[in-house]
Amino acid sequence: MVTIQKRMGKVGNPAMEFKFETQGKEKEEKEEKEEVKKETSIQGKEEIDMGMPKVDVEEFKIPQDAEDEIKDESEGALKVGIMGGGQCGGRIVESFYALGYKKALVYNTTAQDSCSIPNFLDLKIEGQPGGAGKNMKVAEQALRDHEDEVYNEMTRIFGQVDHILVCAGLGGGTGGGTIRGVLELGKRYMKYIGWEDPEKRVGAVVTLPTAGEANSPIVSANAYDMGTALSEMADKEEISPLIVVDNDKVKKLYAGLTIAKFFPTINNTIAQLFHVFNWISQGESQFVTFDSTDFMTVLKCGGHLIMGVTVVEDYKAKTGISSALRSNLTKTLLATDFDLKTAKVAAVVTVVGKKITEEVEGLMDNIEYGFDTIANFTGKAIVHRGIYADEERDNVCVYTMISGLSAPTKRYDRLR
């Protein structure tokens, strides 16, 4: 049949011959079109819907690694993110910021108490333009309402940091009411950027009210409640460290300060003492080096941390430095009622005028004797030491940082 149809189409029937010829041409044209379509598809000029499945993440753009938007200018060994809640916390952050700690964020429940830090976040409370006042529960809720904003600002500002410090005054509402929530956000952030020990890399700087401030029942209650809560976290090593500054103790130490200088002096002293250790630990000493590993050990051991500084006048005497340190430990630290025997780690850095290092005989023995004093006061604590020469000094100055301390329960009891 096939042979006959072909033969008929070709010889016996002109119409069939035309039909087959037309079909042949259509087939050839179709094949040519398919070939052209294939070629243009390969060249990207025409898309063929193959029905191929897709993976959701194909449409997700992975961000390129970029340098941090905000640069740390402290020149310290560690990059530290500084956060502050409320008026007091914001003022402490300002002092850090002035020393180059530009990875800083201040938040408050009212813009009326805003500070000079460019990164300020207003945790607005609906119906309360004046902020939380002294009500810590209101502030705590305000943080929950703005939690995502705070975290987003942390990611924008901090980048890669080694530690985070959250600053607050414990007598007010915003600082005390938000600090626990912000500490948890800090730990979440540190885990996000890759640290495996976030609870050891997020700490707090808190101030206790003066006796006059604590005459207000709500101020004393706030300070007691939040102070004891934070101390429990520190003792359990859920945060590290908890740096406590007792404004009442500082008031007695610097009784001659004017009102205008009182709080700035406290805030600057906190930031400057911390900065001294961070700055010194980035360089080497020709004598004894206190390095960044030593500093990190002090910050990560949990518990409470206190700081102090003393200028040694009688440094030529064998007991001159040890006597000054003894006075520093019992009188001039920025907090009181800590049992120094509970300390885990201590850092003692002695900075000596360069000319003194060249002229005073036996000075090294005197300094070593002073280090022994710290060891005796702190029991079984590890004591990291540093001795540095400074061309611009004409004295001997000793900086002290003691960490891992148990809670100052007697001091809290006086707030009740």
Protein backbone atom coordinates (compact mmCIF):
# COMPACT_ATOMS: atom_id res chain seq x y z
CA MET A 1 0.00 0.00 0.00
CA VAL A 2 2.76 2.39 0.91
CA THR A 3 4.52 1.69 -2.38
CA ILE A 4 1.37 2.22 -4.36
CA GLN A 5 0.55 5.52 -2.59
CA LYS A 6 3.97 6.82 -3.30
CA ARG A 7 3.86 5.77 -6.87
CA MET A 8 0.40 7.22 -7.34
CA GLY A 9 1.36 10.40 -5.72
CA LYS A 10 4.37 10.81 -7.82
CA VAL A 11 3.11 9.67 -11.25
CA GLY A 12 -0.57 9.05 -11.50
CA ASN A 13 -2.02 12.00 -9.51
CA PRO A 14 -0.70 15.58 -9.74
CA ALA A 15 -2.78 16.69 -6.74
CA MET A 16 -1.27 14.06 -4.49
CA GLU A 17 2.13 14.93 -5.82
CA PHE A 18 1.57 18.54 -4.74
CA LYS A 19 0.27 17.41 -1.35
CA PHE A 20 3.30 15.30 -0.56
CA GLU A 21 5.61 18.00 -1.84
CA THR A 22 3.94 20.56 0.42
CA GLN A 23 4.15 18.26 3.44
CA GLY A 24 7.81 17.70 2.77
CA LYS A 25 8.50 21.40 2.63
CA GLU A 26 6.52 22.01 5.86
CA LYS A 27 8.53 19.29 7.57
CA GLU A 28 11.78 20.82 6.42
CA GLU A 29 10.69 24.29 7.50
CA LYS A 30 9.62 22.94 10.90
CA GLU A 31 12.96 21.25 11.38
CA GLU A 32 14.76 24.45 10.37
CA LYS A 33 12.70 26.46 12.86
CA GLU A 34 13.43 24.00 15.65
CA GLU A 35 17.12 24.22 14.84
CA VAL A 36 17.01 28.02 14.87
CA LYS A 37 15.04 27.96 18.16
CA LYS A 38 17.62 25.67 19.66
CA GLU A 39 20.47 27.90 18.54
CA THR A 40 18.85 31.12 19.77
CA SER A 41 18.05 29.47 23.10
CA ILE A 42 21.68 28.51 23.50
CA GLN A 43 22.64 32.10 22.75
CA GLY A 44 20.23 33.31 25.43
CA LYS A 45 17.90 35.03 22.94
CA GLU A 46 14.91 32.82 23.61
CA GLU A 47 13.93 30.96 26.76
CA ILE A 48 12.63 27.38 26.63
CA ASP A 49 10.26 26.41 29.44
CA MET A 50 11.66 23.02 30.42
CA GLY A 51 9.61 22.81 33.61
CA MET A 52 12.79 22.41 35.67
CA PRO A 53 12.28 22.57 39.47
CA LYS A 54 13.83 25.39 41.52
CA VAL A 55 15.31 25.68 45.01
CA ASP A 56 14.00 28.46 47.25
CA VAL A 57 17.44 29.83 48.14
CA GLU A 58 18.19 30.53 44.47
CA GLU A 59 16.40 33.84 44.88
CA PHE A 60 18.21 34.68 48.16
CA LYS A 61 21.08 37.07 47.62
CA ILE A 62 24.00 36.31 49.91
CA PRO A 63 25.53 39.59 51.07
CA GLN A 64 29.17 40.24 50.28
CA ASP A 65 31.53 40.50 53.22
CA ALA A 66 31.95 44.15 53.95
CA GLU A 67 34.04 46.14 56.35
CA ASP A 68 32.30 47.33 59.50
CA GLU A 69 30.37 50.53 58.98
CA ILE A 70 31.54 51.96 62.30
CA LYS A 71 35.21 51.77 63.18
CA ASP A 72 36.57 51.30 66.67
CA GLU A 73 39.03 54.10 67.45
CA SER A 74 40.05 53.12 70.97
CA GLU A 75 43.32 51.49 69.83
CA GLY A 76 42.76 48.86 72.49
CA ALA A 77 43.53 45.17 72.22
CA LEU A 78 39.84 44.26 72.29
CA LYS A 79 36.97 45.65 70.25
CA VAL A 80 34.17 46.35 72.69
CA GLY A 81 30.56 47.19 71.93
CA ILE A 82 29.17 49.63 74.50
CA MET A 83 25.45 49.98 75.21
CA GLY A 84 23.67 52.22 77.69
CA GLY A 85 20.10 52.44 78.90
CA GLY A 86 18.48 55.47 80.52
CA GLN A 87 20.14 58.75 81.42
CA CYS A 88 22.87 57.27 83.63
CA GLY A 89 23.73 54.47 81.21
CA GLY A 90 23.84 56.96 78.34
CA ARG A 91 26.26 59.21 80.20
CA ILE A 92 28.63 56.31 80.89
CA VAL A 93 28.54 55.40 77.19
CA GLU A 94 29.43 59.01 76.35
CA SER A 95 32.60 58.66 78.42
CA PHE A 96 33.58 55.49 76.57
CA TYR A 97 32.73 57.09 73.24
CA ALA A 98 35.07 60.02 73.96
CA LEU A 99 37.92 57.49 74.34
CA GLY A 100 37.32 56.03 70.90
CA TYR A 101 34.77 53.30 71.62
CA LYS A 102 32.64 54.25 68.63
CA LYS A 103 30.72 50.97 68.48
CA ALA A 104 28.22 52.46 70.88
CA LEU A 105 24.44 52.54 71.23
CA VAL A 106 22.26 54.45 73.68
CA TYR A 107 18.56 53.77 74.18
CA ASN A 108 15.97 55.43 76.37
CA THR A 109 12.23 55.57 76.87
CA THR A 110 12.23 59.31 76.27
CA ALA A 111 14.13 61.48 73.82
CA GLN A 112 14.23 64.23 76.47
CA ASP A 113 17.18 62.45 78.10
CA SER A 114 19.05 61.89 74.83
CA CYS A 115 22.81 62.32 74.81
CA SER A 116 25.54 63.26 72.34
CA ILE A 117 26.01 59.73 70.97
CA PRO A 118 24.91 59.65 67.32
CA ASN A 119 23.42 56.17 67.67
CA PHE A 120 20.37 56.82 69.84
CA LEU A 121 17.23 54.73 69.93
CA ASP A 122 13.98 56.01 71.43
CA LEU A 123 11.99 53.17 73.01
CA LYS A 124 8.76 55.09 72.79
CA ILE A 125 6.01 54.25 75.24
CA GLU A 126 2.55 54.99 73.91
CA GLY A 127 0.86 57.62 76.04
CA GLN A 128 3.99 58.32 78.11
CA PRO A 129 6.20 60.86 76.30
CA GLY A 130 8.14 61.41 79.52
CA GLY A 131 9.41 57.83 79.54
CA ALA A 132 9.25 55.09 82.15
CA GLY A 133 10.03 57.36 85.08
CA LYS A 134 11.14 55.08 87.90
CA ASN A 135 8.93 52.19 86.80
CA MET A 136 11.15 49.28 85.74
CA LYS A 137 8.22 47.13 84.59
CA VAL A 138 7.12 49.80 82.12
CA ALA A 139 10.67 50.01 80.78
CA GLU A 140 10.90 46.24 80.53
CA GLN A 141 7.75 46.17 78.39
CA ALA A 142 9.08 49.02 76.26
CA LEU A 143 12.15 46.94 75.45
CA ARG A 144 10.00 43.98 74.47
CA ASP A 145 8.03 46.25 72.13
CA HIS A 146 11.25 47.51 70.50
CA GLU A 147 13.41 44.40 70.83
CA ASP A 148 13.89 43.91 67.09
CA GLU A 149 14.93 47.54 66.63
CA VAL A 150 17.56 47.25 69.35
CA TYR A 151 18.95 44.03 67.90
CA ASN A 152 19.02 45.46 64.38
CA GLU A 153 20.97 48.47 65.63
CA MET A 154 23.46 46.17 67.32
CA THR A 155 24.09 44.32 64.07
CA ARG A 156 24.46 47.61 62.18
CA ILE A 157 26.84 49.23 64.66
CA PHE A 158 28.93 46.50 66.26
CA GLY A 159 30.12 44.25 63.47
CA GLN A 160 32.74 41.88 64.90
CA VAL A 161 33.43 42.62 68.57
CA ASP A 162 35.23 40.73 71.33
CA HIS A 163 33.03 41.84 74.19
CA ILE A 164 29.85 43.80 74.94
CA LEU A 165 29.25 45.96 78.02
CA VAL A 166 25.76 47.17 78.94
CA CYS A 167 25.69 50.26 81.17
CA ALA A 168 22.92 51.35 83.53
CA GLY A 169 22.14 53.14 86.75
CA LEU A 170 20.18 50.78 88.98
CA GLY A 171 18.07 53.38 90.77
CA GLY A 172 16.08 54.55 87.75
CA GLY A 173 13.46 52.92 85.57
CA THR A 174 14.82 52.57 82.04
CA GLY A 175 18.35 51.41 82.82
CA GLY A 176 17.35 48.88 85.45
CA GLY A 177 14.18 47.80 83.69
CA THR A 178 15.85 47.01 80.37
CA ILE A 179 19.27 45.72 81.34
CA ARG A 180 18.44 42.02 81.71
CA GLY A 181 16.67 41.94 78.35
CA VAL A 182 19.52 43.78 76.64
CA LEU A 183 22.08 41.41 78.17
CA GLU A 184 20.18 38.51 76.61
CA LEU A 185 20.13 40.31 73.25
CA GLY A 186 23.87 40.80 73.62
CA LYS A 187 24.44 37.10 74.18
CA ARG A 188 22.28 36.27 71.19
CA TYR A 189 24.31 38.67 69.07
CA MET A 190 27.67 37.28 70.21
CA LYS A 191 26.49 33.79 69.33
CA TYR A 192 25.31 35.07 65.95
CA ILE A 193 28.76 36.44 65.06
CA GLY A 194 30.40 33.15 65.92
CA TRP A 195 31.51 33.17 69.55
CA GLU A 196 30.96 29.85 71.31
CA ASP A 197 31.00 31.38 74.81
CA PRO A 198 28.58 34.34 74.60
CA GLU A 199 27.80 34.33 78.33
CA LYS A 200 31.49 35.07 78.98
CA ARG A 201 31.60 37.92 76.48
CA VAL A 202 28.66 40.02 77.62
CA GLY A 203 28.88 41.98 80.86
CA ALA A 204 27.43 45.00 82.59
CA VAL A 205 28.56 48.26 84.16
CA VAL A 206 26.15 49.37 86.86
CA THR A 207 26.07 52.15 89.42
CA LEU A 208 24.50 52.04 92.86
CA PRO A 209 22.81 55.21 94.15
CA THR A 210 24.23 57.56 96.75
CA ALA A 211 22.74 57.52 100.25
CA GLY A 212 20.81 60.67 99.41
CA GLU A 213 19.35 59.15 96.25
CA ALA A 214 18.49 55.96 98.11
CA ASN A 215 16.30 57.93 100.53
CA SER A 216 13.66 57.58 97.85
CA PRO A 217 11.93 54.24 98.52
CA ILE A 218 11.44 53.49 94.82
CA VAL A 219 15.10 54.24 94.00
CA SER A 220 16.41 52.01 96.78
CA ALA A 221 13.93 49.25 95.88
CA ASN A 222 14.92 49.38 92.20
CA ALA A 223 18.62 49.26 93.04
CA TYR A 224 18.18 46.38 95.46
CA ASP A 225 15.93 44.30 93.21
CA MET A 226 17.99 44.70 90.05
CA GLY A 227 21.34 44.64 91.83
CA THR A 228 20.63 41.31 93.49
CA ALA A 229 19.17 39.88 90.25
CA LEU A 230 22.24 40.85 88.23
CA SER A 231 24.57 39.58 90.94
CA GLU A 232 22.84 36.22 90.81
CA MET A 233 23.44 36.11 87.05
CA ALA A 234 27.09 37.04 87.57
CA ASP A 235 27.64 34.46 90.31
CA LYS A 236 26.18 31.80 88.00
CA GLU A 237 28.49 33.04 85.22
CA GLU A 238 25.52 33.85 82.99
CA ILE A 239 27.18 37.23 82.32
CA SER A 240 30.78 38.36 82.69
CA PRO A 241 31.80 40.59 84.26
CA LEU A 242 29.44 42.62 86.42
CA ILE A 243 31.32 45.86 87.06
CA VAL A 244 29.88 47.59 90.11
CA VAL A 245 30.47 51.26 90.89
CA ASP A 246 29.13 52.54 94.19
CA ASN A 247 28.28 56.22 93.80
CA ASP A 248 28.08 56.60 97.55
CA LYS A 249 31.63 55.29 97.92
CA VAL A 250 32.85 57.61 95.14
CA LYS A 251 31.11 60.54 96.77
CA LYS A 252 33.12 59.97 99.93
CA LEU A 253 36.38 59.50 98.02
CA TYR A 254 35.97 62.75 96.10
CA ALA A 255 34.11 64.84 98.62
CA GLY A 256 35.42 68.11 97.19
CA LEU A 257 33.79 67.71 93.78
CA THR A 258 31.19 70.22 92.66
CA ILE A 259 27.76 69.03 91.60
CA ALA A 260 28.61 69.78 87.97
CA LYS A 261 31.71 67.57 88.11
CA PHE A 262 30.47 64.74 90.32
CA PHE A 263 28.74 62.45 87.81
CA PRO A 264 31.07 63.24 84.88
CA THR A 265 34.01 62.33 87.14
CA ILE A 266 32.42 58.99 88.03
CA ASN A 267 31.56 58.16 84.43
CA ASN A 268 34.96 59.20 83.11
CA THR A 269 36.76 57.22 85.81
CA ILE A 270 34.84 54.04 84.89
CA ALA A 271 35.66 54.39 81.20
CA GLN A 272 39.25 55.52 81.72
CA LEU A 273 40.15 52.68 84.08
CA PHE A 274 38.74 50.09 81.70
CA HIS A 275 40.50 51.80 78.80
CA VAL A 276 43.89 51.76 80.53
CA PHE A 277 43.84 47.97 80.72
CA ASN A 278 42.53 47.57 77.18
CA TRP A 279 45.06 50.01 75.73
CA ILE A 280 48.06 48.67 77.64
CA SER A 281 47.28 45.07 76.69
CA GLN A 282 47.76 45.77 72.97
CA GLY A 283 51.47 46.52 73.32
CA GLU A 284 54.60 44.95 74.76
CA SER A 285 56.64 46.11 77.71
CA GLN A 286 60.40 45.96 78.03
CA PHE A 287 59.81 44.83 81.62
CA VAL A 288 56.64 42.74 82.24
CA THR A 289 53.83 42.61 79.66
CA PHE A 290 50.13 42.48 80.48
CA ASP A 291 48.71 41.16 77.20
CA SER A 292 45.27 40.79 75.63
CA THR A 293 44.97 37.18 76.77
CA ASP A 294 45.53 38.29 80.36
CA PHE A 295 42.91 41.00 79.97
CA MET A 296 40.38 38.63 78.45
CA THR A 297 40.94 36.20 81.32
CA VAL A 298 39.98 38.94 83.76
CA LEU A 299 36.83 39.82 81.80
CA LYS A 300 35.64 36.25 81.18
CA CYS A 301 35.93 34.65 84.63
CA GLY A 302 32.38 35.56 85.72
CA GLY A 303 31.36 37.16 88.99
CA HIS A 304 31.88 40.80 89.90
CA LEU A 305 34.69 43.13 88.89
CA ILE A 306 35.99 46.20 90.71
CA MET A 307 38.64 48.69 89.62
CA GLY A 308 40.90 51.24 91.22
CA VAL A 309 43.98 53.40 90.78
CA THR A 310 46.51 54.77 93.20
CA VAL A 311 49.47 57.10 92.83
CA VAL A 312 52.49 55.96 94.85
CA GLU A 313 54.36 58.81 96.46
CA ASP A 314 56.91 56.90 98.53
CA TYR A 315 57.95 54.50 95.79
CA LYS A 316 61.61 54.49 96.89
CA ALA A 317 60.76 52.76 100.16
CA LYS A 318 60.55 48.97 100.14
CA THR A 319 56.98 48.97 101.47
CA GLY A 320 55.89 52.17 99.72
CA ILE A 321 54.15 50.48 96.79
CA SER A 322 52.67 47.67 98.88
CA SER A 323 51.26 50.20 101.37
CA ALA A 324 49.72 52.21 98.54
CA LEU A 325 48.17 49.05 97.10
CA ARG A 326 46.83 48.06 100.48
CA SER A 327 45.21 51.47 100.74
CA ASN A 328 43.89 51.08 97.20
CA LEU A 329 42.27 47.75 98.00
CA THR A 330 40.67 48.87 101.24
CA LYS A 331 39.84 52.50 100.51
CA THR A 332 40.09 53.73 96.94
CA LEU A 333 38.36 51.04 94.86
CA LEU A 334 35.12 52.28 93.28
CA ALA A 335 32.94 49.89 95.26
CA THR A 336 32.77 48.45 98.76
CA ASP A 337 31.66 45.40 100.77
CA PHE A 338 33.30 42.86 98.49
CA ASP A 339 35.19 39.95 99.99
CA LEU A 340 38.50 40.09 98.12
CA LYS A 341 39.28 36.52 99.14
CA THR A 342 36.56 35.34 96.74
CA ALA A 343 38.40 36.78 93.73
CA LYS A 344 39.34 34.44 90.91
CA VAL A 345 41.55 36.69 88.78
CA ALA A 346 43.32 40.00 89.36
CA ALA A 347 45.31 42.37 87.19
CA VAL A 348 47.88 44.79 88.57
CA VAL A 349 49.62 47.15 86.17
CA THR A 350 52.34 49.49 87.39
CA VAL A 351 53.19 52.46 85.18
CA VAL A 352 56.46 54.19 86.05
CA GLY A 353 58.00 57.39 84.76
CA LYS A 354 60.82 56.42 82.41
CA LYS A 355 63.35 58.56 84.25
CA ILE A 356 62.43 56.86 87.51
CA THR A 357 63.09 53.43 86.00
CA GLU A 358 66.59 54.59 85.12
CA GLU A 359 67.49 56.28 88.40
CA VAL A 360 65.79 54.54 91.34
CA GLU A 361 67.67 51.49 92.57
CA GLY A 362 65.71 48.57 93.98
CA LEU A 363 62.47 49.71 92.36
CA MET A 364 61.81 46.30 90.83
CA ASP A 365 61.96 44.67 94.26
CA ASN A 366 59.55 47.25 95.62
CA ILE A 367 57.12 46.59 92.79
CA GLU A 368 57.34 42.83 93.24
CA TYR A 369 56.64 43.27 96.93
CA GLY A 370 53.55 45.22 95.96
CA PHE A 371 52.40 42.42 93.67
CA ASP A 372 52.72 40.01 96.58
CA THR A 373 50.39 42.26 98.56
CA ILE A 374 47.69 41.82 95.92
CA ALA A 375 48.20 38.05 95.97
CA ASN A 376 47.82 37.97 99.76
CA PHE A 377 44.64 40.07 99.70
CA THR A 378 42.97 38.04 96.97
CA GLY A 379 43.66 34.58 98.34
CA LYS A 380 44.02 32.02 95.57
CA ALA A 381 43.33 34.37 92.69
CA ILE A 382 45.49 34.32 89.57
CA VAL A 383 47.35 37.63 89.47
CA HIS A 384 48.34 39.03 86.06
CA ARG A 385 51.09 41.61 86.24
CA GLY A 386 52.38 44.40 84.06
CA ILE A 387 55.18 46.94 84.41
CA TYR A 388 55.43 49.77 81.89
CA ALA A 389 57.59 52.85 81.46
CA ASP A 390 56.03 56.16 80.41
CA GLU A 391 58.20 59.03 79.24
CA GLU A 392 55.52 61.60 80.11
CA ARG A 393 55.22 60.57 83.76
CA ASP A 394 57.25 61.63 86.74
CA ASN A 395 55.56 59.30 89.24
CA VAL A 396 54.53 55.71 89.88
CA CYS A 397 50.90 54.76 89.32
CA VAL A 398 49.29 51.38 90.02
CA TYR A 399 46.06 50.25 88.30
CA THR A 400 44.08 47.43 89.85
CA MET A 401 41.33 45.22 88.44
CA ILE A 402 39.92 42.36 90.52
CA SER A 403 37.38 39.93 89.05
CA GLY A 404 35.39 36.82 89.90
CA LEU A 405 34.20 38.31 93.19
CA SER A 406 31.06 37.16 94.96
CA ALA A 407 28.10 39.52 95.38
CA PRO A 408 28.35 42.48 97.83
CA THR A 409 25.37 41.33 99.87
CA LYS A 410 26.06 43.71 102.77
CA ARG A 411 25.94 46.68 100.40
CA TYR A 412 22.64 45.52 98.95
CA ASP A 413 21.19 45.03 102.41
CA ARG A 414 21.79 48.70 103.19
CA LEU A 415 19.50 49.57 100.27
CA ARG A 416 16.51 47.84 101.82
